[in-house]
Amino acid sequence: MNWFSAIVVFVISWWMILLALLPIGVRGQHEDYTPTDGTDPGAPQVTGLKKKAIWTTCGAIAVTLIAYVVANSGLIQPPEVNW
């Protein structure tokens, strides 16, 4: 795996993990507090984006390292295609 492929794997896995983590632990305004005037009652009170970004980066690094090891170890070989 070259450096460009590693960056592509990292970016794609980062976004996939972030989108999976976004709804975890989010509480709406109507669940904890009285909604702020002019906002939707379902709007999140506290999102925790910094913590989620850190966990997402750690997960994306792990996925990229696993993809790197698999690609360079020869465990999975692409099929021979006669063009």
C-alpha atoms as a PDB file:
ATOM      1  CA  MET A   1       0.000   0.000   0.000  1.00  0.00           C
ATOM      2  CA  ASN A   2       1.456   3.348  -0.976  1.00  0.00           C
ATOM      3  CA  TRP A   3       1.019   6.598   0.951  1.00  0.00           C
ATOM      4  CA  PHE A   4      -1.870   7.849  -1.197  1.00  0.00           C
ATOM      5  CA  SER A   5      -3.882   4.663  -0.646  1.00  0.00           C
ATOM      6  CA  ALA A   6      -3.243   4.904   3.094  1.00  0.00           C
ATOM      7  CA  ILE A   7      -4.552   8.489   3.139  1.00  0.00           C
ATOM      8  CA  VAL A   8      -7.661   7.460   1.198  1.00  0.00           C
ATOM      9  CA  VAL A   9      -8.335   4.567   3.595  1.00  0.00           C
ATOM     10  CA  PHE A  10      -7.815   6.877   6.577  1.00  0.00           C
ATOM     11  CA  VAL A  11     -10.153   9.609   5.305  1.00  0.00           C
ATOM     12  CA  ILE A  12     -12.934   7.214   4.308  1.00  0.00           C
ATOM     13  CA  SER A  13     -12.729   5.260   7.561  1.00  0.00           C
ATOM     14  CA  TRP A  14     -12.577   8.505   9.580  1.00  0.00           C
ATOM     15  CA  TRP A  15     -15.837   9.765   8.099  1.00  0.00           C
ATOM     16  CA  MET A  16     -17.576   6.400   8.418  1.00  0.00           C
ATOM     17  CA  ILE A  17     -16.602   6.089  12.089  1.00  0.00           C
ATOM     18  CA  LEU A  18     -17.560   9.703  12.817  1.00  0.00           C
ATOM     19  CA  LEU A  19     -21.002   9.240  11.295  1.00  0.00           C
ATOM     20  CA  ALA A  20     -21.464   6.100  13.380  1.00  0.00           C
ATOM     21  CA  LEU A  21     -20.409   7.874  16.605  1.00  0.00           C
ATOM     22  CA  LEU A  22     -22.372  11.108  16.166  1.00  0.00           C
ATOM     23  CA  PRO A  23     -25.689   9.955  17.665  1.00  0.00           C
ATOM     24  CA  ILE A  24     -24.097   8.259  20.698  1.00  0.00           C
ATOM     25  CA  GLY A  25     -24.694  10.125  23.950  1.00  0.00           C
ATOM     26  CA  VAL A  26     -26.540  13.078  22.450  1.00  0.00           C
ATOM     27  CA  ARG A  27     -29.456  14.299  24.531  1.00  0.00           C
ATOM     28  CA  GLY A  28     -32.017  16.731  23.186  1.00  0.00           C
ATOM     29  CA  GLN A  29     -33.035  19.920  24.939  1.00  0.00           C
ATOM     30  CA  HIS A  30     -36.460  18.515  25.722  1.00  0.00           C
ATOM     31  CA  GLU A  31     -34.914  15.582  27.644  1.00  0.00           C
ATOM     32  CA  ASP A  32     -32.851  17.546  30.178  1.00  0.00           C
ATOM     33  CA  TYR A  33     -33.741  21.204  30.146  1.00  0.00           C
ATOM     34  CA  THR A  34     -36.356  23.576  28.972  1.00  0.00           C
ATOM     35  CA  PRO A  35     -35.720  24.384  25.327  1.00  0.00           C
ATOM     36  CA  THR A  36     -34.061  27.692  24.524  1.00  0.00           C
ATOM     37  CA  ASP A  37     -36.422  30.108  22.820  1.00  0.00           C
ATOM     38  CA  GLY A  38     -36.092  30.017  19.062  1.00  0.00           C
ATOM     39  CA  THR A  39     -34.532  26.534  18.874  1.00  0.00           C
ATOM     40  CA  ASP A  40     -35.992  23.142  18.116  1.00  0.00           C
ATOM     41  CA  PRO A  41     -36.740  21.058  21.221  1.00  0.00           C
ATOM     42  CA  GLY A  42     -34.911  18.123  19.640  1.00  0.00           C
ATOM     43  CA  ALA A  43     -31.706  20.124  19.131  1.00  0.00           C
ATOM     44  CA  PRO A  44     -28.785  18.643  21.065  1.00  0.00           C
ATOM     45  CA  GLN A  45     -27.883  20.209  24.392  1.00  0.00           C
ATOM     46  CA  VAL A  46     -24.299  18.872  24.514  1.00  0.00           C
ATOM     47  CA  THR A  47     -22.753  17.128  21.509  1.00  0.00           C
ATOM     48  CA  GLY A  48     -19.298  16.095  22.774  1.00  0.00           C
ATOM     49  CA  LEU A  49     -17.688  16.606  19.362  1.00  0.00           C
ATOM     50  CA  LYS A  50     -14.112  16.912  20.661  1.00  0.00           C
ATOM     51  CA  LYS A  51     -14.251  13.536  22.393  1.00  0.00           C
ATOM     52  CA  LYS A  52     -15.926  11.944  19.363  1.00  0.00           C
ATOM     53  CA  ALA A  53     -13.286  13.410  17.032  1.00  0.00           C
ATOM     54  CA  ILE A  54     -10.504  11.936  19.185  1.00  0.00           C
ATOM     55  CA  TRP A  55     -12.149   8.485  19.278  1.00  0.00           C
ATOM     56  CA  THR A  56     -12.817   8.710  15.533  1.00  0.00           C
ATOM     57  CA  THR A  57      -9.164   9.507  14.810  1.00  0.00           C
ATOM     58  CA  CYS A  58      -7.979   6.592  16.965  1.00  0.00           C
ATOM     59  CA  GLY A  59     -10.391   4.241  15.222  1.00  0.00           C
ATOM     60  CA  ALA A  60      -9.397   5.455  11.768  1.00  0.00           C
ATOM     61  CA  ILE A  61      -5.712   4.965  12.588  1.00  0.00           C
ATOM     62  CA  ALA A  62      -6.463   1.413  13.722  1.00  0.00           C
ATOM     63  CA  VAL A  63      -8.443   0.647  10.559  1.00  0.00           C
ATOM     64  CA  THR A  64      -5.677   2.115   8.387  1.00  0.00           C
ATOM     65  CA  LEU A  65      -3.005   0.049  10.156  1.00  0.00           C
ATOM     66  CA  ILE A  66      -5.065  -3.125   9.740  1.00  0.00           C
ATOM     67  CA  ALA A  67      -5.553  -2.369   6.033  1.00  0.00           C
ATOM     68  CA  TYR A  68      -1.816  -1.694   5.682  1.00  0.00           C
ATOM     69  CA  VAL A  69      -0.864  -4.990   7.351  1.00  0.00           C
ATOM     70  CA  VAL A  70      -3.355  -6.978   5.270  1.00  0.00           C
ATOM     71  CA  ALA A  71      -2.292  -5.296   2.025  1.00  0.00           C
ATOM     72  CA  ASN A  72       1.441  -5.810   2.615  1.00  0.00           C
ATOM     73  CA  SER A  73       1.306  -9.293   4.136  1.00  0.00           C
ATOM     74  CA  GLY A  74      -0.189 -10.979   1.087  1.00  0.00           C
ATOM     75  CA  LEU A  75      -3.087 -12.517   3.042  1.00  0.00           C
ATOM     76  CA  ILE A  76      -5.545 -11.354   0.411  1.00  0.00           C
ATOM     77  CA  GLN A  77      -4.378 -11.561  -3.166  1.00  0.00           C
ATOM     78  CA  PRO A  78      -6.271 -10.011  -6.049  1.00  0.00           C
ATOM     79  CA  PRO A  79      -7.369 -12.487  -8.703  1.00  0.00           C
ATOM     80  CA  GLU A  80      -5.421 -12.817 -11.917  1.00  0.00           C
ATOM     81  CA  VAL A  81      -7.360 -11.109 -14.684  1.00  0.00           C
ATOM     82  CA  ASN A  82      -6.426 -11.619 -18.313  1.00  0.00           C
ATOM     83  CA  TRP A  83      -7.255  -8.447 -20.156  1.00  0.00           C
END
